Amino acid sequence: MSEPGDRAALEAVEGMLLGAPATLTRAQVADRAGVDLAVAQELWRLMGFADVDDADVAFTEADVQALRDTERLVALGVLGPERRAALVRTWGRSYARLAEWQTRLLTEVAADGADPAVPDRAGRSGRTDAGLGALAGLAEEVVPLVESLQGYVWRRHLASATARTLAAEPAASPVSDQTVCFVDIVGYTHRSRALSERGLAAWLERFEETCADTALDHGARVIKNIGDEVLLVADTAACAAEVALTLTARGADPDDDFPEVRAGLAHGPVLSRLGDVFGEAVNVAARLTALARPGTVLVDSGARAALDGSPDEAAAPDGAGGEALDEAGAEPAAYSLRRLRRASVKDYPRVGAWVLRRA
C-alpha cells in the first residue's frame, strides 16, 4: 500500500495533468455535460479507462468539457453511430501506448536526477520521496511542451493526409491499389536474448528509426511496428521495392549495425481504416516475408507486374527482368525478378513468388 506522502505526490501529478484535482463523480460529470450516463460510461470504456464506482470522486471539469466536445462532434456528424466506437477505441489505444512510454521516460529522467544514496521508506535505493517530487516538477514543465508538440505533429500529418486524399478522386474510396511491404528482423529471438532490456529497447529503436527514415526517403509510409518487423505501404511498387532493397542491403553489410532483415511485397487493393491497412495484399506480403530467406526480398505477381509491366497473371520465366521508374520519375531503376518454382504461400496457393534484386 502506498504511503500518505507517496499518495500526495501522485495526486499532485494527477491534478497537474488533469488541470485540477478530482472533485466530481461520474454521474455529476454526465449531468453537467448534459450527456446520458450510459453514453458517458460507454465512451470511457472505449477509451480504455477502468470503471469506477458511482461514489468515487475521480473526475474534473476537463471530463465535463470532453463529453461536451464529443456531443458536438456527434452533432456535426463526425462521430456517427457507425464510426464512434471504432474511432474512440483507436484514440484510447493509441494514447494509452503513448502515455505508457512517456511516463516511463519521465520516471527514468526523474530517477536519474534523484540521489541514489538516499533510500525510500522501504529501504530501497533509487526511489525516494524527493524522486516523487522531482517527477511532479518535471511533469509540470515537460507536459505542456509535449502537448504542444503532439498537437503540431498531428496537424502536420493531418495536412499531409488531406493533400493525399485531395490528390485522389473527390469521393475517393477507402480502398485503393497500393504496395504493402513487411520488413522482418532475421534471428530476432537469438539476438534479443543476448541483450539487456535497455539494450534491446535501444536496438529496436534504431531498427524502427532506420526503417522510418528509409521509407520517408523513398516516398513510402510506415503504418506500424509489430515487434521485430515493420509494416509500410507505398503508392507505387517501385517505392516499396527501393525501401526493401535498401534495408536488406544494409542488413547484409558487415560494417553496418543495422540487423539482417528479409522483406515481402504485395501489390493490390488495400483497405485503409483508422490508420491501419487490411486486405489480401497485406496478408500475402506477410506470408512472403515469412517465406523469404535472410537478406532477400520476395514479391507477388501484382508487385512483379507493377515493376516490369507484365500481365499480373503471367508467369515470368526465370531470370526475367524489368525496369521501373523511381519515385521521382527521373532515371529508370532496373530490377531482376526470378520466380521461385516451388514456393508455397499459405492460404494463397495461386499466388506466385519472385525474388527481387537490382539488375
Protein backbone atom coordinates (compact mmCIF):
# COMPACT_ATOMS: atom_id res chain seq x y z
CA MET A 1 0.00 0.00 0.00
CA SER A 2 1.30 3.46 -0.82
CA GLU A 3 2.39 5.82 1.93
CA PRO A 4 0.49 9.10 2.53
CA GLY A 5 3.42 11.09 1.14
CA ASP A 6 3.52 8.95 -1.96
CA ARG A 7 -0.21 9.39 -2.48
CA ALA A 8 0.02 13.15 -2.05
CA ALA A 9 2.78 13.37 -4.68
CA LEU A 10 0.81 11.19 -7.08
CA GLU A 11 -2.31 13.30 -6.55
CA ALA A 12 -0.28 16.42 -7.26
CA VAL A 13 0.92 14.96 -10.56
CA GLU A 14 -2.59 13.80 -11.45
CA GLY A 15 -4.08 17.20 -10.62
CA MET A 16 -1.48 18.95 -12.76
CA LEU A 17 -2.15 16.62 -15.70
CA LEU A 18 -5.92 16.94 -15.49
CA GLY A 19 -5.88 20.66 -14.81
CA ALA A 20 -7.40 20.42 -11.34
CA PRO A 21 -7.89 17.95 -8.50
CA ALA A 22 -10.68 15.41 -8.93
CA THR A 23 -13.92 16.75 -7.43
CA LEU A 24 -16.70 15.04 -9.39
CA THR A 25 -18.31 11.61 -9.63
CA ARG A 26 -19.15 10.11 -12.99
CA ALA A 27 -22.85 10.88 -12.55
CA GLN A 28 -22.06 14.53 -11.84
CA VAL A 29 -19.86 14.72 -14.94
CA ALA A 30 -22.58 13.30 -17.18
CA ASP A 31 -25.20 15.61 -15.64
CA ARG A 32 -23.08 18.76 -16.13
CA ALA A 33 -22.27 17.80 -19.72
CA GLY A 34 -25.91 17.02 -20.49
CA VAL A 35 -24.99 13.51 -21.62
CA ASP A 36 -26.71 10.31 -20.64
CA LEU A 37 -24.65 8.45 -18.04
CA ALA A 38 -24.76 5.22 -20.07
CA VAL A 39 -23.30 7.05 -23.09
CA ALA A 40 -20.56 8.58 -20.94
CA GLN A 41 -19.68 5.17 -19.48
CA GLU A 42 -19.55 3.66 -22.97
CA LEU A 43 -17.14 6.37 -24.15
CA TRP A 44 -14.88 5.93 -21.12
CA ARG A 45 -14.73 2.17 -21.67
CA LEU A 46 -13.97 2.62 -25.37
CA MET A 47 -11.08 4.89 -24.39
CA GLY A 48 -9.75 2.13 -22.16
CA PHE A 49 -10.42 3.78 -18.80
CA ALA A 50 -11.17 1.49 -15.87
CA ASP A 51 -14.64 1.51 -14.34
CA VAL A 52 -15.11 3.42 -11.09
CA ASP A 53 -17.87 3.22 -8.52
CA ASP A 54 -20.70 5.73 -8.52
CA ALA A 55 -19.41 7.26 -5.30
CA ASP A 56 -15.79 7.62 -6.44
CA VAL A 57 -14.62 11.19 -6.87
CA ALA A 58 -12.35 10.65 -9.88
CA PHE A 59 -13.27 13.33 -12.43
CA THR A 60 -12.70 17.00 -13.14
CA GLU A 61 -14.18 19.78 -15.26
CA ALA A 62 -11.91 18.57 -18.07
CA ASP A 63 -14.01 15.40 -18.25
CA VAL A 64 -17.16 17.52 -18.49
CA GLN A 65 -15.72 19.50 -21.38
CA ALA A 66 -14.57 16.30 -23.13
CA LEU A 67 -18.12 14.94 -23.07
CA ARG A 68 -19.48 18.23 -24.40
CA ASP A 69 -16.92 18.19 -27.21
CA THR A 70 -17.86 14.59 -28.02
CA GLU A 71 -21.52 15.51 -28.26
CA ARG A 72 -20.60 18.40 -30.55
CA LEU A 73 -18.72 16.01 -32.86
CA VAL A 74 -21.76 13.75 -32.87
CA ALA A 75 -23.98 16.70 -33.83
CA LEU A 76 -21.59 17.58 -36.67
CA GLY A 77 -21.80 14.04 -37.99
CA VAL A 78 -18.13 13.29 -37.35
CA LEU A 79 -18.85 10.72 -34.65
CA GLY A 80 -21.84 8.92 -36.11
CA PRO A 81 -23.11 5.67 -34.57
CA GLU A 82 -21.19 3.55 -37.07
CA ARG A 83 -17.89 5.42 -36.53
CA ARG A 84 -17.91 6.41 -32.87
CA ALA A 85 -16.90 3.10 -31.31
CA ALA A 86 -14.05 2.41 -33.75
CA LEU A 87 -12.66 5.95 -33.68
CA VAL A 88 -12.82 6.44 -29.91
CA ARG A 89 -11.33 2.99 -29.28
CA THR A 90 -8.47 3.81 -31.65
CA TRP A 91 -7.83 7.07 -29.80
CA GLY A 92 -7.80 5.22 -26.49
CA ARG A 93 -5.38 2.53 -27.62
CA SER A 94 -3.01 4.93 -29.35
CA TYR A 95 -2.81 7.40 -26.48
CA ALA A 96 -2.60 4.65 -23.87
CA ARG A 97 0.54 3.28 -25.54
CA LEU A 98 1.99 6.76 -25.97
CA ALA A 99 1.25 7.69 -22.34
CA GLU A 100 2.82 4.46 -21.07
CA TRP A 101 6.05 5.18 -22.93
CA GLN A 102 6.12 8.85 -21.93
CA THR A 103 5.52 8.03 -18.27
CA ARG A 104 8.39 5.55 -18.26
CA LEU A 105 10.61 8.15 -19.87
CA LEU A 106 9.72 10.85 -17.33
CA THR A 107 10.18 8.41 -14.45
CA GLU A 108 13.64 7.42 -15.69
CA VAL A 109 14.67 11.05 -16.11
CA ALA A 110 13.37 11.93 -12.64
CA ALA A 111 15.11 8.90 -11.13
CA ASP A 112 18.40 9.86 -12.76
CA GLY A 113 18.14 13.23 -11.06
CA ALA A 114 17.40 11.75 -7.61
CA ASP A 115 20.10 10.88 -5.09
CA PRO A 116 20.54 7.09 -5.30
CA ALA A 117 22.25 7.03 -1.89
CA VAL A 118 19.04 8.08 -0.13
CA PRO A 119 16.76 5.06 0.40
CA ASP A 120 12.98 5.30 0.48
CA ARG A 121 10.87 4.19 3.44
CA ALA A 122 11.14 0.54 2.39
CA GLY A 123 14.91 0.79 2.32
CA ARG A 124 15.17 0.64 -1.48
CA SER A 125 17.57 2.97 -3.21
CA GLY A 126 16.67 4.68 -6.46
CA ARG A 127 13.07 5.60 -5.50
CA THR A 128 12.88 8.39 -2.98
CA ASP A 129 10.34 10.87 -1.70
CA ALA A 130 12.48 13.51 -3.35
CA GLY A 131 12.25 11.46 -6.55
CA LEU A 132 8.45 11.64 -6.49
CA GLY A 133 8.68 15.38 -6.03
CA ALA A 134 11.16 15.57 -8.90
CA LEU A 135 8.72 13.63 -11.10
CA ALA A 136 5.92 16.08 -10.28
CA GLY A 137 8.12 19.07 -11.02
CA LEU A 138 9.47 17.57 -14.22
CA ALA A 139 5.98 16.67 -15.45
CA GLU A 140 4.75 20.21 -14.77
CA GLU A 141 7.46 21.63 -17.00
CA VAL A 142 7.58 18.93 -19.69
CA VAL A 143 3.92 18.02 -20.26
CA PRO A 144 2.86 21.39 -21.76
CA LEU A 145 5.77 21.21 -24.19
CA VAL A 146 4.94 17.64 -25.19
CA GLU A 147 1.26 18.51 -25.53
CA SER A 148 2.10 21.40 -27.84
CA LEU A 149 4.42 19.25 -29.96
CA GLN A 150 1.84 16.47 -30.21
CA GLY A 151 -0.69 18.96 -31.50
CA TYR A 152 1.83 20.26 -34.02
CA VAL A 153 2.75 16.76 -35.26
CA TRP A 154 -0.94 15.81 -35.54
CA ARG A 155 -1.75 18.90 -37.59
CA ARG A 156 1.21 18.32 -39.92
CA HIS A 157 0.15 14.72 -40.51
CA LEU A 158 -3.42 15.90 -40.98
CA ALA A 159 -2.24 18.32 -43.67
CA SER A 160 -0.26 15.55 -45.42
CA ALA A 161 -3.17 13.11 -45.30
CA THR A 162 -5.52 15.80 -46.63
CA ALA A 163 -3.18 16.51 -49.54
CA ARG A 164 -3.01 12.80 -50.43
CA THR A 165 -6.79 12.47 -50.23
CA LEU A 166 -7.49 15.55 -52.35
CA ALA A 167 -4.96 14.37 -54.92
CA ALA A 168 -7.19 11.33 -55.46
CA GLU A 169 -10.77 11.43 -56.73
CA PRO A 170 -13.09 13.76 -54.79
CA ALA A 171 -15.10 10.87 -53.35
CA ALA A 172 -12.17 8.53 -53.03
CA SER A 173 -12.90 5.05 -51.75
CA PRO A 174 -11.05 3.82 -48.65
CA VAL A 175 -9.84 1.00 -50.93
CA SER A 176 -7.02 1.82 -53.32
CA ASP A 177 -4.21 -0.01 -55.11
CA GLN A 178 -1.06 0.15 -53.00
CA THR A 179 2.09 -1.86 -52.44
CA VAL A 180 2.39 -3.39 -48.99
CA CYS A 181 5.80 -4.27 -47.55
CA PHE A 182 6.83 -6.10 -44.40
CA VAL A 183 10.44 -5.90 -43.19
CA ASP A 184 11.36 -8.54 -40.61
CA ILE A 185 14.49 -8.93 -38.46
CA VAL A 186 16.29 -12.24 -39.02
CA GLY A 187 17.32 -14.09 -35.85
CA TYR A 188 15.49 -11.71 -33.56
CA THR A 189 14.94 -14.24 -30.75
CA HIS A 190 18.61 -15.23 -30.59
CA ARG A 191 19.83 -11.64 -30.68
CA SER A 192 17.32 -10.38 -28.13
CA ARG A 193 18.43 -12.97 -25.56
CA ALA A 194 21.94 -11.55 -25.60
CA LEU A 195 20.79 -8.00 -24.84
CA SER A 196 19.68 -6.32 -21.65
CA GLU A 197 16.23 -4.79 -21.56
CA ARG A 198 17.68 -1.34 -22.14
CA GLY A 199 19.96 -2.63 -24.89
CA LEU A 200 17.05 -4.39 -26.59
CA ALA A 201 14.95 -1.23 -26.47
CA ALA A 202 17.78 0.81 -27.99
CA TRP A 203 18.39 -1.81 -30.68
CA LEU A 204 14.71 -1.90 -31.70
CA GLU A 205 14.58 1.89 -31.63
CA ARG A 206 17.46 2.10 -34.13
CA PHE A 207 15.80 -0.52 -36.34
CA GLU A 208 12.47 1.32 -36.36
CA GLU A 209 14.13 4.69 -36.89
CA THR A 210 16.15 3.43 -39.87
CA CYS A 211 13.07 1.84 -41.43
CA ALA A 212 11.05 5.03 -40.95
CA ASP A 213 13.80 7.23 -42.42
CA THR A 214 14.30 4.94 -45.41
CA ALA A 215 10.56 4.79 -46.07
CA LEU A 216 10.37 8.58 -45.94
CA ASP A 217 13.32 8.95 -48.31
CA HIS A 218 11.57 6.82 -50.95
CA GLY A 219 8.01 8.08 -50.58
CA ALA A 220 6.61 5.21 -48.52
CA ARG A 221 4.72 5.39 -45.20
CA VAL A 222 5.23 3.30 -42.08
CA ILE A 223 1.88 2.01 -40.83
CA LYS A 224 3.03 0.33 -37.63
CA ASN A 225 5.77 -1.59 -35.88
CA ILE A 226 4.89 -5.16 -34.92
CA GLY A 227 7.55 -6.42 -32.55
CA ASP A 228 10.54 -7.26 -34.72
CA GLU A 229 9.01 -6.18 -38.03
CA VAL A 230 7.72 -3.04 -39.71
CA LEU A 231 4.68 -2.71 -41.95
CA LEU A 232 4.76 0.04 -44.57
CA VAL A 233 2.84 0.95 -47.70
CA ALA A 234 3.66 2.89 -50.86
CA ASP A 235 1.62 4.22 -53.75
CA THR A 236 3.92 2.51 -56.26
CA ALA A 237 5.72 -0.80 -56.27
CA ALA A 238 8.98 0.95 -57.20
CA CYS A 239 8.89 3.00 -53.98
CA ALA A 240 8.36 -0.09 -51.82
CA ALA A 241 10.99 -2.03 -53.76
CA GLU A 242 13.60 0.67 -53.14
CA VAL A 243 12.85 0.63 -49.41
CA ALA A 244 13.06 -3.16 -49.18
CA LEU A 245 16.25 -3.44 -51.26
CA THR A 246 17.93 -0.60 -49.37
CA LEU A 247 17.18 -2.16 -45.98
CA THR A 248 18.23 -5.69 -46.98
CA ALA A 249 21.47 -4.29 -48.42
CA ARG A 250 22.20 -2.51 -45.16
CA GLY A 251 21.48 -5.68 -43.19
CA ALA A 252 23.91 -7.63 -45.38
CA ASP A 253 26.71 -5.11 -44.83
CA PRO A 254 29.02 -6.40 -42.05
CA ASP A 255 30.15 -2.84 -41.31
CA ASP A 256 26.59 -1.62 -40.76
CA ASP A 257 24.99 -2.16 -37.34
CA PHE A 258 21.55 -2.45 -38.96
CA PRO A 259 20.29 -6.03 -38.38
CA GLU A 260 19.92 -8.59 -41.14
CA VAL A 261 16.37 -8.47 -42.49
CA ARG A 262 14.10 -10.02 -45.08
CA ALA A 263 11.12 -8.47 -46.81
CA GLY A 264 7.92 -9.30 -48.68
CA LEU A 265 5.97 -7.11 -51.11
CA ALA A 266 2.45 -7.46 -52.48
CA HIS A 267 0.54 -5.05 -54.70
CA GLY A 268 -3.21 -4.77 -54.95
CA PRO A 269 -6.37 -3.30 -53.40
CA VAL A 270 -5.79 -2.18 -49.81
CA LEU A 271 -8.41 -1.01 -47.33
CA SER A 272 -7.20 1.93 -45.21
CA ARG A 273 -9.10 2.21 -41.94
CA LEU A 274 -8.26 4.17 -38.79
CA GLY A 275 -4.57 4.40 -39.62
CA ASP A 276 -4.22 0.68 -40.38
CA VAL A 277 -4.39 -1.32 -43.60
CA PHE A 278 -6.26 -4.51 -44.43
CA GLY A 279 -6.82 -6.79 -47.38
CA GLU A 280 -5.37 -9.65 -49.36
CA ALA A 281 -2.24 -7.70 -50.29
CA VAL A 282 -1.41 -7.27 -46.58
CA ASN A 283 -1.86 -10.99 -45.91
CA VAL A 284 0.19 -12.03 -48.94
CA ALA A 285 3.04 -9.62 -48.08
CA ALA A 286 3.20 -11.04 -44.54
CA ARG A 287 3.37 -14.63 -45.83
CA LEU A 288 6.01 -13.78 -48.42
CA THR A 289 8.13 -12.20 -45.69
CA ALA A 290 7.96 -15.41 -43.65
CA LEU A 291 8.93 -17.37 -46.77
CA ALA A 292 11.86 -15.13 -47.73
CA ARG A 293 15.41 -16.20 -46.98
CA PRO A 294 17.63 -13.85 -44.93
CA GLY A 295 18.71 -10.82 -46.92
CA THR A 296 16.20 -11.37 -49.72
CA VAL A 297 13.05 -9.64 -50.97
CA LEU A 298 10.09 -11.64 -52.30
CA VAL A 299 7.29 -10.06 -54.34
CA ASP A 300 3.93 -11.36 -55.50
CA SER A 301 2.59 -11.35 -59.05
CA GLY A 302 0.87 -7.99 -58.53
CA ALA A 303 4.11 -6.28 -57.44
CA ARG A 304 6.06 -8.01 -60.23
CA ALA A 305 3.56 -6.77 -62.81
CA ALA A 306 3.76 -3.24 -61.42
CA LEU A 307 7.57 -3.35 -61.58
CA ASP A 308 8.13 -4.82 -65.05
CA GLY A 309 4.83 -4.10 -66.75
CA SER A 310 3.97 -7.74 -67.48
CA PRO A 311 0.39 -9.03 -67.02
CA ASP A 312 -0.40 -9.90 -63.43
CA GLU A 313 -1.48 -13.45 -64.24
CA ALA A 314 1.52 -14.25 -66.45
CA ALA A 315 4.38 -16.28 -65.04
CA ALA A 316 7.67 -14.60 -65.79
CA PRO A 317 10.43 -17.06 -66.75
CA ASP A 318 13.46 -17.50 -64.55
CA GLY A 319 15.79 -14.54 -64.79
CA ALA A 320 13.19 -12.31 -66.42
CA GLY A 321 13.89 -8.69 -65.68
CA GLY A 322 12.07 -5.43 -65.84
CA GLU A 323 12.52 -1.73 -65.35
CA ALA A 324 10.54 0.67 -63.19
CA LEU A 325 10.81 4.41 -62.79
CA ASP A 326 11.79 5.55 -59.34
CA GLU A 327 9.50 7.78 -57.29
CA ALA A 328 10.95 10.95 -58.81
CA GLY A 329 10.24 9.71 -62.34
CA ALA A 330 13.80 10.53 -63.40
CA GLU A 331 16.20 7.68 -64.10
CA PRO A 332 14.89 4.11 -64.53
CA ALA A 333 15.72 1.73 -61.70
CA ALA A 334 16.37 -1.76 -63.12
CA TYR A 335 15.33 -4.89 -61.22
CA SER A 336 15.80 -8.58 -61.89
CA LEU A 337 12.94 -10.93 -60.99
CA ARG A 338 13.44 -14.68 -60.62
CA ARG A 339 10.45 -16.89 -59.99
CA LEU A 340 10.51 -19.40 -57.16
CA ARG A 341 9.16 -22.54 -58.79
CA ARG A 342 8.38 -24.44 -55.59
CA ALA A 343 7.21 -21.60 -53.38
CA SER A 344 4.04 -22.30 -51.41
CA VAL A 345 2.26 -19.28 -49.94
CA LYS A 346 -0.01 -20.41 -47.11
CA ASP A 347 -3.72 -19.90 -47.85
CA TYR A 348 -2.86 -18.43 -51.27
CA PRO A 349 -1.79 -21.38 -53.44
CA ARG A 350 -2.21 -19.45 -56.71
CA VAL A 351 -0.02 -16.53 -55.65
CA GLY A 352 3.43 -16.74 -57.18
CA ALA A 353 6.65 -15.56 -55.54
CA TRP A 354 9.57 -13.80 -57.21
CA VAL A 355 12.98 -12.93 -55.79
CA LEU A 356 13.59 -9.22 -56.35
CA ARG A 357 17.12 -7.94 -56.91
CA ARG A 358 18.75 -4.97 -58.53
CA ALA A 359 19.69 -5.80 -62.09
